[in-house]
Structures are given as C-alpha cells and as structure tokens.
Amino acid sequence: DAQKDAIGSGMEVEVSEIDIDGNIGAYAKVVALKATVSGQT
C-alpha cells in the first residue's frame, strides 16, 4: 500500500542488509551495510 509506511514513524532498524519494498516514515532511522528502498523516504 503506497499510502502506508513499510518503516513506520519513529522506528529504528539496524541490520546487515535490508530490502524495503515501500516507504520510510517520518523520524525513522535505518542503518545497514546494504539497503534498498523501492518507495520514498
């Protein structure tokens, strides 16, 4: 759903690799060695 966030508002994610098929919400923080975001930040 393009109207929703794959990484929700205020969430913190820290992993080796992350493939995000969707959006990153406000004040979210993503840290990885390799990252892909197919939506918008």
PDB file of all heavy atoms in Angstrom:
ATOM      1  N   ASP A   1       0.847  -1.191   0.000  1.00  0.00           N
ATOM      2  CA  ASP A   1       0.000   0.000   0.000  1.00  0.00           C
ATOM      3  C   ASP A   1       0.886   1.246   0.000  1.00  0.00           C
ATOM      4  O   ASP A   1       1.591   1.531   0.969  1.00  0.00           O
ATOM      5  CB  ASP A   1      -0.909  -0.011   1.226  1.00  0.00           C
ATOM      6  CG  ASP A   1      -1.985   1.069   1.155  1.00  0.00           C
ATOM      7  OD1 ASP A   1      -1.828   2.017   0.349  1.00  0.00           O
ATOM      8  OD2 ASP A   1      -2.974   0.973   1.906  1.00  0.00           O
ATOM      9  N   ALA A   2       0.834   2.016  -1.086  1.00  0.00           N
ATOM     10  CA  ALA A   2       1.675   3.211  -1.230  1.00  0.00           C
ATOM     11  C   ALA A   2       1.310   4.302  -0.235  1.00  0.00           C
ATOM     12  O   ALA A   2       2.099   5.226  -0.002  1.00  0.00           O
ATOM     13  CB  ALA A   2       1.565   3.750  -2.655  1.00  0.00           C
ATOM     14  N   GLN A   3       0.101   4.219   0.370  1.00  0.00           N
ATOM     15  CA  GLN A   3      -0.340   5.217   1.338  1.00  0.00           C
ATOM     16  C   GLN A   3       0.168   4.908   2.744  1.00  0.00           C
ATOM     17  O   GLN A   3       0.003   5.709   3.656  1.00  0.00           O
ATOM     18  CB  GLN A   3      -1.880   5.286   1.356  1.00  0.00           C
ATOM     19  CG  GLN A   3      -2.499   5.639   0.011  1.00  0.00           C
ATOM     20  CD  GLN A   3      -2.011   6.984  -0.509  1.00  0.00           C
ATOM     21  OE1 GLN A   3      -1.955   7.960   0.230  1.00  0.00           O
ATOM     22  NE2 GLN A   3      -1.635   7.026  -1.792  1.00  0.00           N
ATOM     23  N   LYS A   4       0.796   3.752   2.921  1.00  0.00           N
ATOM     24  CA  LYS A   4       1.311   3.353   4.231  1.00  0.00           C
ATOM     25  C   LYS A   4       2.835   3.302   4.200  1.00  0.00           C
ATOM     26  O   LYS A   4       3.448   3.311   3.139  1.00  0.00           O
ATOM     27  CB  LYS A   4       0.741   1.979   4.626  1.00  0.00           C
ATOM     28  CG  LYS A   4      -0.770   1.969   4.828  1.00  0.00           C
ATOM     29  CD  LYS A   4      -1.237   0.585   5.251  1.00  0.00           C
ATOM     30  CE  LYS A   4      -2.739   0.544   5.477  1.00  0.00           C
ATOM     31  NZ  LYS A   4      -3.198  -0.810   5.863  1.00  0.00           N
ATOM     32  N   ASP A   5       3.423   3.226   5.400  1.00  0.00           N
ATOM     33  CA  ASP A   5       4.884   3.169   5.508  1.00  0.00           C
ATOM     34  C   ASP A   5       5.336   1.747   5.796  1.00  0.00           C
ATOM     35  O   ASP A   5       4.808   1.073   6.690  1.00  0.00           O
ATOM     36  CB  ASP A   5       5.384   4.078   6.641  1.00  0.00           C
ATOM     37  CG  ASP A   5       5.150   5.550   6.337  1.00  0.00           C
ATOM     38  OD1 ASP A   5       5.209   5.916   5.142  1.00  0.00           O
ATOM     39  OD2 ASP A   5       4.902   6.318   7.292  1.00  0.00           O
ATOM     40  N   ALA A   6       6.342   1.300   5.045  1.00  0.00           N
ATOM     41  CA  ALA A   6       6.938  -0.006   5.351  1.00  0.00           C
ATOM     42  C   ALA A   6       7.761   0.083   6.633  1.00  0.00           C
ATOM     43  O   ALA A   6       7.779  -0.840   7.448  1.00  0.00           O
ATOM     44  CB  ALA A   6       7.825  -0.457   4.190  1.00  0.00           C
ATOM     45  N   ILE A   7       8.464   1.212   6.812  1.00  0.00           N
ATOM     46  CA  ILE A   7       9.166   1.508   8.069  1.00  0.00           C
ATOM     47  C   ILE A   7       8.396   2.636   8.731  1.00  0.00           C
ATOM     48  O   ILE A   7       8.388   3.770   8.247  1.00  0.00           O
ATOM     49  CB  ILE A   7      10.633   1.936   7.830  1.00  0.00           C
ATOM     50  CG1 ILE A   7      11.358   0.932   6.936  1.00  0.00           C
ATOM     51  CG2 ILE A   7      11.353   2.107   9.159  1.00  0.00           C
ATOM     52  CD1 ILE A   7      11.525  -0.437   7.522  1.00  0.00           C
ATOM     53  N   GLY A   8       7.722   2.321   9.826  1.00  0.00           N
ATOM     54  CA  GLY A   8       6.821   3.277  10.453  1.00  0.00           C
ATOM     55  C   GLY A   8       7.505   4.471  11.085  1.00  0.00           C
ATOM     56  O   GLY A   8       8.727   4.505  11.274  1.00  0.00           O
ATOM     57  N   SER A   9       6.711   5.456  11.419  1.00  0.00           N
ATOM     58  CA  SER A   9       7.192   6.698  12.016  1.00  0.00           C
ATOM     59  C   SER A   9       7.943   6.422  13.318  1.00  0.00           C
ATOM     60  O   SER A   9       7.466   5.718  14.193  1.00  0.00           O
ATOM     61  CB  SER A   9       6.008   7.630  12.275  1.00  0.00           C
ATOM     62  OG  SER A   9       6.436   8.809  12.901  1.00  0.00           O
ATOM     63  N   GLY A  10       9.149   6.987  13.418  1.00  0.00           N
ATOM     64  CA  GLY A  10       9.928   6.891  14.653  1.00  0.00           C
ATOM     65  C   GLY A  10      10.629   5.573  14.874  1.00  0.00           C
ATOM     66  O   GLY A  10      11.305   5.403  15.898  1.00  0.00           O
ATOM     67  N   MET A  11      10.521   4.637  13.939  1.00  0.00           N
ATOM     68  CA  MET A  11      11.137   3.322  14.127  1.00  0.00           C
ATOM     69  C   MET A  11      12.642   3.367  13.844  1.00  0.00           C
ATOM     70  O   MET A  11      13.110   4.150  13.035  1.00  0.00           O
ATOM     71  CB  MET A  11      10.475   2.290  13.218  1.00  0.00           C
ATOM     72  CG  MET A  11       9.056   1.903  13.612  1.00  0.00           C
ATOM     73  SD  MET A  11       9.002   1.013  15.189  1.00  0.00           S
ATOM     74  CE  MET A  11       8.617   2.334  16.343  1.00  0.00           C
ATOM     75  N   GLU A  12      13.381   2.487  14.529  1.00  0.00           N
ATOM     76  CA  GLU A  12      14.819   2.354  14.311  1.00  0.00           C
ATOM     77  C   GLU A  12      15.120   0.922  13.872  1.00  0.00           C
ATOM     78  O   GLU A  12      14.667  -0.033  14.500  1.00  0.00           O
ATOM     79  CB  GLU A  12      15.610   2.673  15.580  1.00  0.00           C
ATOM     80  CG  GLU A  12      15.540   4.135  15.975  1.00  0.00           C
ATOM     81  CD  GLU A  12      16.457   4.466  17.144  1.00  0.00           C
ATOM     82  OE1 GLU A  12      17.293   3.600  17.500  1.00  0.00           O
ATOM     83  OE2 GLU A  12      16.326   5.562  17.700  1.00  0.00           O
ATOM     84  N   VAL A  13      15.889   0.792  12.788  1.00  0.00           N
ATOM     85  CA  VAL A  13      16.238  -0.520  12.246  1.00  0.00           C
ATOM     86  C   VAL A  13      17.741  -0.554  12.009  1.00  0.00           C
ATOM     87  O   VAL A  13      18.298   0.364  11.401  1.00  0.00           O
ATOM     88  CB  VAL A  13      15.491  -0.810  10.922  1.00  0.00           C
ATOM     89  CG1 VAL A  13      15.846  -2.204  10.408  1.00  0.00           C
ATOM     90  CG2 VAL A  13      13.982  -0.672  11.110  1.00  0.00           C
ATOM     91  N   GLU A  14      18.389  -1.616  12.489  1.00  0.00           N
ATOM     92  CA  GLU A  14      19.828  -1.789  12.271  1.00  0.00           C
ATOM     93  C   GLU A  14      20.110  -3.266  12.027  1.00  0.00           C
ATOM     94  O   GLU A  14      20.048  -4.086  12.951  1.00  0.00           O
ATOM     95  CB  GLU A  14      20.636  -1.279  13.466  1.00  0.00           C
ATOM     96  CG  GLU A  14      22.126  -1.273  13.201  1.00  0.00           C
ATOM     97  CD  GLU A  14      22.930  -0.630  14.329  1.00  0.00           C
ATOM     98  OE1 GLU A  14      22.350   0.153  15.096  1.00  0.00           O
ATOM     99  OE2 GLU A  14      24.129  -0.933  14.425  1.00  0.00           O
ATOM    100  N   VAL A  15      20.395  -3.611  10.780  1.00  0.00           N
ATOM    101  CA  VAL A  15      20.655  -4.990  10.372  1.00  0.00           C
ATOM    102  C   VAL A  15      21.789  -5.003   9.349  1.00  0.00           C
ATOM    103  O   VAL A  15      22.304  -3.955   8.964  1.00  0.00           O
ATOM    104  CB  VAL A  15      19.389  -5.658   9.775  1.00  0.00           C
ATOM    105  CG1 VAL A  15      18.327  -5.872  10.844  1.00  0.00           C
ATOM    106  CG2 VAL A  15      18.834  -4.815   8.628  1.00  0.00           C
ATOM    107  N   SER A  16      22.162  -6.211   8.883  1.00  0.00           N
ATOM    108  CA  SER A  16      23.228  -6.293   7.879  1.00  0.00           C
ATOM    109  C   SER A  16      22.743  -5.807   6.521  1.00  0.00           C
ATOM    110  O   SER A  16      23.399  -4.990   5.873  1.00  0.00           O
ATOM    111  CB  SER A  16      23.746  -7.726   7.778  1.00  0.00           C
ATOM    112  OG  SER A  16      24.383  -8.106   8.966  1.00  0.00           O
ATOM    113  N   GLU A  17      21.590  -6.334   6.085  1.00  0.00           N
ATOM    114  CA  GLU A  17      21.021  -5.921   4.801  1.00  0.00           C
ATOM    115  C   GLU A  17      19.518  -5.721   4.955  1.00  0.00           C
ATOM    116  O   GLU A  17      18.877  -6.422   5.742  1.00  0.00           O
ATOM    117  CB  GLU A  17      21.287  -6.975   3.714  1.00  0.00           C
ATOM    118  CG  GLU A  17      22.750  -7.138   3.355  1.00  0.00           C
ATOM    119  CD  GLU A  17      22.955  -8.096   2.194  1.00  0.00           C
ATOM    120  OE1 GLU A  17      21.969  -8.389   1.472  1.00  0.00           O
ATOM    121  OE2 GLU A  17      24.102  -8.555   1.988  1.00  0.00           O
ATOM    122  N   ILE A  18      18.976  -4.782   4.189  1.00  0.00           N
ATOM    123  CA  ILE A  18      17.535  -4.545   4.248  1.00  0.00           C
ATOM    124  C   ILE A  18      17.025  -4.169   2.864  1.00  0.00           C
ATOM    125  O   ILE A  18      17.628  -3.348   2.157  1.00  0.00           O
ATOM    126  CB  ILE A  18      17.173  -3.458   5.293  1.00  0.00           C
ATOM    127  CG1 ILE A  18      15.648  -3.326   5.421  1.00  0.00           C
ATOM    128  CG2 ILE A  18      17.830  -2.124   4.964  1.00  0.00           C
ATOM    129  CD1 ILE A  18      15.210  -2.509   6.627  1.00  0.00           C
ATOM    130  N   ASP A  19      15.939  -4.812   2.481  1.00  0.00           N
ATOM    131  CA  ASP A  19      15.272  -4.529   1.202  1.00  0.00           C
ATOM    132  C   ASP A  19      13.870  -4.032   1.544  1.00  0.00           C
ATOM    133  O   ASP A  19      13.027  -4.798   2.036  1.00  0.00           O
ATOM    134  CB  ASP A  19      15.213  -5.801   0.355  1.00  0.00           C
ATOM    135  CG  ASP A  19      14.673  -5.531  -1.051  1.00  0.00           C
ATOM    136  OD1 ASP A  19      14.234  -4.393  -1.292  1.00  0.00           O
ATOM    137  OD2 ASP A  19      14.678  -6.451  -1.874  1.00  0.00           O
ATOM    138  N   ILE A  20      13.630  -2.739   1.309  1.00  0.00           N
ATOM    139  CA  ILE A  20      12.360  -2.118   1.692  1.00  0.00           C
ATOM    140  C   ILE A  20      11.510  -1.906   0.443  1.00  0.00           C
ATOM    141  O   ILE A  20      11.832  -1.061  -0.397  1.00  0.00           O
ATOM    142  CB  ILE A  20      12.602  -0.778   2.416  1.00  0.00           C
ATOM    143  CG1 ILE A  20      13.505  -0.989   3.635  1.00  0.00           C
ATOM    144  CG2 ILE A  20      11.279  -0.143   2.831  1.00  0.00           C
ATOM    145  CD1 ILE A  20      14.018   0.302   4.255  1.00  0.00           C
ATOM    146  N   ASP A  21      10.464  -2.681   0.354  1.00  0.00           N
ATOM    147  CA  ASP A  21       9.503  -2.517  -0.744  1.00  0.00           C
ATOM    148  C   ASP A  21       8.362  -1.657  -0.216  1.00  0.00           C
ATOM    149  O   ASP A  21       7.310  -2.151   0.186  1.00  0.00           O
ATOM    150  CB  ASP A  21       9.006  -3.895  -1.205  1.00  0.00           C
ATOM    151  CG  ASP A  21       8.137  -3.792  -2.459  1.00  0.00           C
ATOM    152  OD1 ASP A  21       7.933  -2.657  -2.944  1.00  0.00           O
ATOM    153  OD2 ASP A  21       7.651  -4.838  -2.930  1.00  0.00           O
ATOM    154  N   GLY A  22       8.601  -0.345  -0.189  1.00  0.00           N
ATOM    155  CA  GLY A  22       7.626   0.576   0.382  1.00  0.00           C
ATOM    156  C   GLY A  22       8.314   1.849   0.824  1.00  0.00           C
ATOM    157  O   GLY A  22       9.443   2.153   0.404  1.00  0.00           O
ATOM    158  N   ASN A  23       7.637   2.606   1.690  1.00  0.00           N
ATOM    159  CA  ASN A  23       8.116   3.927   2.099  1.00  0.00           C
ATOM    160  C   ASN A  23       8.750   3.900   3.483  1.00  0.00           C
ATOM    161  O   ASN A  23       8.470   3.012   4.294  1.00  0.00           O
ATOM    162  CB  ASN A  23       6.953   4.932   2.098  1.00  0.00           C
ATOM    163  CG  ASN A  23       6.244   4.985   0.762  1.00  0.00           C
ATOM    164  OD1 ASN A  23       6.867   4.835  -0.295  1.00  0.00           O
ATOM    165  ND2 ASN A  23       4.929   5.200   0.795  1.00  0.00           N
ATOM    166  N   ILE A  24       9.580   4.921   3.749  1.00  0.00           N
ATOM    167  CA  ILE A  24      10.154   5.126   5.090  1.00  0.00           C
ATOM    168  C   ILE A  24       9.489   6.355   5.693  1.00  0.00           C
ATOM    169  O   ILE A  24       9.482   7.431   5.099  1.00  0.00           O
ATOM    170  CB  ILE A  24      11.680   5.324   5.018  1.00  0.00           C
ATOM    171  CG1 ILE A  24      12.352   4.065   4.466  1.00  0.00           C
ATOM    172  CG2 ILE A  24      12.247   5.661   6.396  1.00  0.00           C
ATOM    173  CD1 ILE A  24      13.864   4.181   4.353  1.00  0.00           C
ATOM    174  N   GLY A  25       8.924   6.186   6.901  1.00  0.00           N
ATOM    175  CA  GLY A  25       8.140   7.245   7.530  1.00  0.00           C
ATOM    176  C   GLY A  25       8.978   8.306   8.222  1.00  0.00           C
ATOM    177  O   GLY A  25      10.212   8.240   8.270  1.00  0.00           O
ATOM    178  N   ALA A  26       8.286   9.277   8.789  1.00  0.00           N
ATOM    179  CA  ALA A  26       8.931  10.407   9.453  1.00  0.00           C
ATOM    180  C   ALA A  26       9.713   9.951  10.678  1.00  0.00           C
ATOM    181  O   ALA A  26       9.272   9.074  11.423  1.00  0.00           O
ATOM    182  CB  ALA A  26       7.874  11.432   9.864  1.00  0.00           C
ATOM    183  N   TYR A  27      10.883  10.554  10.874  1.00  0.00           N
ATOM    184  CA  TYR A  27      11.749  10.319  12.029  1.00  0.00           C
ATOM    185  C   TYR A  27      12.191   8.861  12.170  1.00  0.00           C
ATOM    186  O   TYR A  27      12.655   8.446  13.237  1.00  0.00           O
ATOM    187  CB  TYR A  27      11.068  10.787  13.323  1.00  0.00           C
ATOM    188  CG  TYR A  27      10.635  12.233  13.263  1.00  0.00           C
ATOM    189  CD1 TYR A  27       9.278  12.574  13.110  1.00  0.00           C
ATOM    190  CD2 TYR A  27      11.570  13.265  13.301  1.00  0.00           C
ATOM    191  CE1 TYR A  27       8.881  13.902  13.009  1.00  0.00           C
ATOM    192  CE2 TYR A  27      11.168  14.592  13.204  1.00  0.00           C
ATOM    193  CZ  TYR A  27       9.832  14.901  13.063  1.00  0.00           C
ATOM    194  OH  TYR A  27       9.450  16.212  12.964  1.00  0.00           O
ATOM    195  N   ALA A  28      12.039   8.083  11.102  1.00  0.00           N
ATOM    196  CA  ALA A  28      12.553   6.713  11.110  1.00  0.00           C
ATOM    197  C   ALA A  28      14.047   6.748  10.821  1.00  0.00           C
ATOM    198  O   ALA A  28      14.549   7.648  10.141  1.00  0.00           O
ATOM    199  CB  ALA A  28      11.826   5.861  10.074  1.00  0.00           C
ATOM    200  N   LYS A  29      14.772   5.736  11.349  1.00  0.00           N
ATOM    201  CA  LYS A  29      16.221   5.657  11.138  1.00  0.00           C
ATOM    202  C   LYS A  29      16.565   4.233  10.730  1.00  0.00           C
ATOM    203  O   LYS A  29      16.243   3.281  11.441  1.00  0.00           O
ATOM    204  CB  LYS A  29      16.973   6.044  12.408  1.00  0.00           C
ATOM    205  CG  LYS A  29      18.474   6.048  12.235  1.00  0.00           C
ATOM    206  CD  LYS A  29      19.167   6.471  13.522  1.00  0.00           C
ATOM    207  CE  LYS A  29      20.692   6.468  13.345  1.00  0.00           C
ATOM    208  NZ  LYS A  29      21.389   6.852  14.596  1.00  0.00           N
ATOM    209  N   VAL A  30      17.238   4.103   9.586  1.00  0.00           N
ATOM    210  CA  VAL A  30      17.618   2.791   9.065  1.00  0.00           C
ATOM    211  C   VAL A  30      19.132   2.766   8.881  1.00  0.00           C
ATOM    212  O   VAL A  30      19.706   3.660   8.252  1.00  0.00           O
ATOM    213  CB  VAL A  30      16.919   2.488   7.724  1.00  0.00           C
ATOM    214  CG1 VAL A  30      17.386   1.146   7.172  1.00  0.00           C
ATOM    215  CG2 VAL A  30      15.404   2.499   7.898  1.00  0.00           C
ATOM    216  N   VAL A  31      19.785   1.728   9.452  1.00  0.00           N
ATOM    217  CA  VAL A  31      21.235   1.570   9.333  1.00  0.00           C
ATOM    218  C   VAL A  31      21.526   0.143   8.865  1.00  0.00           C
ATOM    219  O   VAL A  31      21.005  -0.817   9.439  1.00  0.00           O
ATOM    220  CB  VAL A  31      21.951   1.836  10.673  1.00  0.00           C
ATOM    221  CG1 VAL A  31      23.462   1.665  10.511  1.00  0.00           C
ATOM    222  CG2 VAL A  31      21.629   3.229  11.189  1.00  0.00           C
ATOM    223  N   ALA A  32      22.350  -0.003   7.833  1.00  0.00           N
ATOM    224  CA  ALA A  32      22.703  -1.324   7.307  1.00  0.00           C
ATOM    225  C   ALA A  32      23.988  -1.227   6.504  1.00  0.00           C
ATOM    226  O   ALA A  32      24.492  -0.130   6.228  1.00  0.00           O
ATOM    227  CB  ALA A  32      21.568  -1.868   6.443  1.00  0.00           C
ATOM    228  N   LEU A  33      24.526  -2.398   6.135  1.00  0.00           N
ATOM    229  CA  LEU A  33      25.661  -2.405   5.215  1.00  0.00           C
ATOM    230  C   LEU A  33      25.169  -2.209   3.784  1.00  0.00           C
ATOM    231  O   LEU A  33      25.828  -1.561   2.971  1.00  0.00           O
ATOM    232  CB  LEU A  33      26.430  -3.727   5.337  1.00  0.00           C
ATOM    233  CG  LEU A  33      27.102  -3.999   6.692  1.00  0.00           C
ATOM    234  CD1 LEU A  33      27.753  -5.365   6.688  1.00  0.00           C
ATOM    235  CD2 LEU A  33      28.130  -2.921   7.013  1.00  0.00           C
ATOM    236  N   LYS A  34      24.005  -2.785   3.507  1.00  0.00           N
ATOM    237  CA  LYS A  34      23.415  -2.666   2.182  1.00  0.00           C
ATOM    238  C   LYS A  34      21.928  -2.420   2.349  1.00  0.00           C
ATOM    239  O   LYS A  34      21.252  -3.121   3.110  1.00  0.00           O
ATOM    240  CB  LYS A  34      23.654  -3.950   1.377  1.00  0.00           C
ATOM    241  CG  LYS A  34      23.110  -3.897  -0.043  1.00  0.00           C
ATOM    242  CD  LYS A  34      23.387  -5.204  -0.770  1.00  0.00           C
ATOM    243  CE  LYS A  34      22.811  -5.167  -2.187  1.00  0.00           C
ATOM    244  NZ  LYS A  34      23.041  -6.458  -2.902  1.00  0.00           N
ATOM    245  N   ALA A  35      21.398  -1.419   1.633  1.00  0.00           N
ATOM    246  CA  ALA A  35      19.978  -1.083   1.766  1.00  0.00           C
ATOM    247  C   ALA A  35      19.398  -0.692   0.414  1.00  0.00           C
ATOM    248  O   ALA A  35      20.054  -0.031  -0.390  1.00  0.00           O
ATOM    249  CB  ALA A  35      19.790   0.055   2.762  1.00  0.00           C
ATOM    250  N   THR A  36      18.142  -1.124   0.217  1.00  0.00           N
ATOM    251  CA  THR A  36      17.395  -0.767  -0.993  1.00  0.00           C
ATOM    252  C   THR A  36      16.024  -0.263  -0.584  1.00  0.00           C
ATOM    253  O   THR A  36      15.341  -0.901   0.219  1.00  0.00           O
ATOM    254  CB  THR A  36      17.236  -1.987  -1.921  1.00  0.00           C
ATOM    255  OG1 THR A  36      18.524  -2.497  -2.236  1.00  0.00           O
ATOM    256  CG2 THR A  36      16.523  -1.600  -3.201  1.00  0.00           C
ATOM    257  N   VAL A  37      15.617   0.888  -1.149  1.00  0.00           N
ATOM    258  CA  VAL A  37      14.298   1.463  -0.860  1.00  0.00           C
ATOM    259  C   VAL A  37      13.594   1.673  -2.202  1.00  0.00           C
ATOM    260  O   VAL A  37      13.988   2.545  -2.987  1.00  0.00           O
ATOM    261  CB  VAL A  37      14.400   2.804  -0.100  1.00  0.00           C
ATOM    262  CG1 VAL A  37      13.004   3.328   0.226  1.00  0.00           C
ATOM    263  CG2 VAL A  37      15.236   2.653   1.161  1.00  0.00           C
ATOM    264  N   SER A  38      12.558   0.873  -2.435  1.00  0.00           N
ATOM    265  CA  SER A  38      11.847   0.997  -3.718  1.00  0.00           C
ATOM    266  C   SER A  38      10.761   2.062  -3.661  1.00  0.00           C
ATOM    267  O   SER A  38      10.228   2.463  -4.695  1.00  0.00           O
ATOM    268  CB  SER A  38      11.233  -0.350  -4.114  1.00  0.00           C
ATOM    269  OG  SER A  38      10.300  -0.763  -3.140  1.00  0.00           O
ATOM    270  N   GLY A  39      10.422   2.531  -2.462  1.00  0.00           N
ATOM    271  CA  GLY A  39       9.428   3.595  -2.317  1.00  0.00           C
ATOM    272  C   GLY A  39      10.112   4.942  -2.153  1.00  0.00           C
ATOM    273  O   GLY A  39      11.059   5.263  -2.870  1.00  0.00           O
ATOM    274  N   GLN A  40       9.646   5.737  -1.182  1.00  0.00           N
ATOM    275  CA  GLN A  40      10.227   7.057  -0.957  1.00  0.00           C
ATOM    276  C   GLN A  40      10.574   7.237   0.516  1.00  0.00           C
ATOM    277  O   GLN A  40      10.000   6.590   1.387  1.00  0.00           O
ATOM    278  CB  GLN A  40       9.273   8.147  -1.426  1.00  0.00           C
ATOM    279  CG  GLN A  40       7.935   8.170  -0.705  1.00  0.00           C
ATOM    280  CD  GLN A  40       6.966   9.179  -1.316  1.00  0.00           C
ATOM    281  OE1 GLN A  40       7.130   9.604  -2.454  1.00  0.00           O
ATOM    282  NE2 GLN A  40       5.954   9.555  -0.555  1.00  0.00           N
ATOM    283  N   THR A  41      11.516   8.143   0.762  1.00  0.00           N
ATOM    284  CA  THR A  41      11.915   8.449   2.145  1.00  0.00           C
ATOM    285  C   THR A  41      11.298   9.775   2.565  1.00  0.00           C
ATOM    286  O   THR A  41      11.267  10.726   1.786  1.00  0.00           O
ATOM    287  CB  THR A  41      13.446   8.544   2.263  1.00  0.00           C
ATOM    288  OG1 THR A  41      13.909   9.605   1.424  1.00  0.00           O
ATOM    289  CG2 THR A  41      14.118   7.242   1.847  1.00  0.00           C
TER     290      THR A  41
END
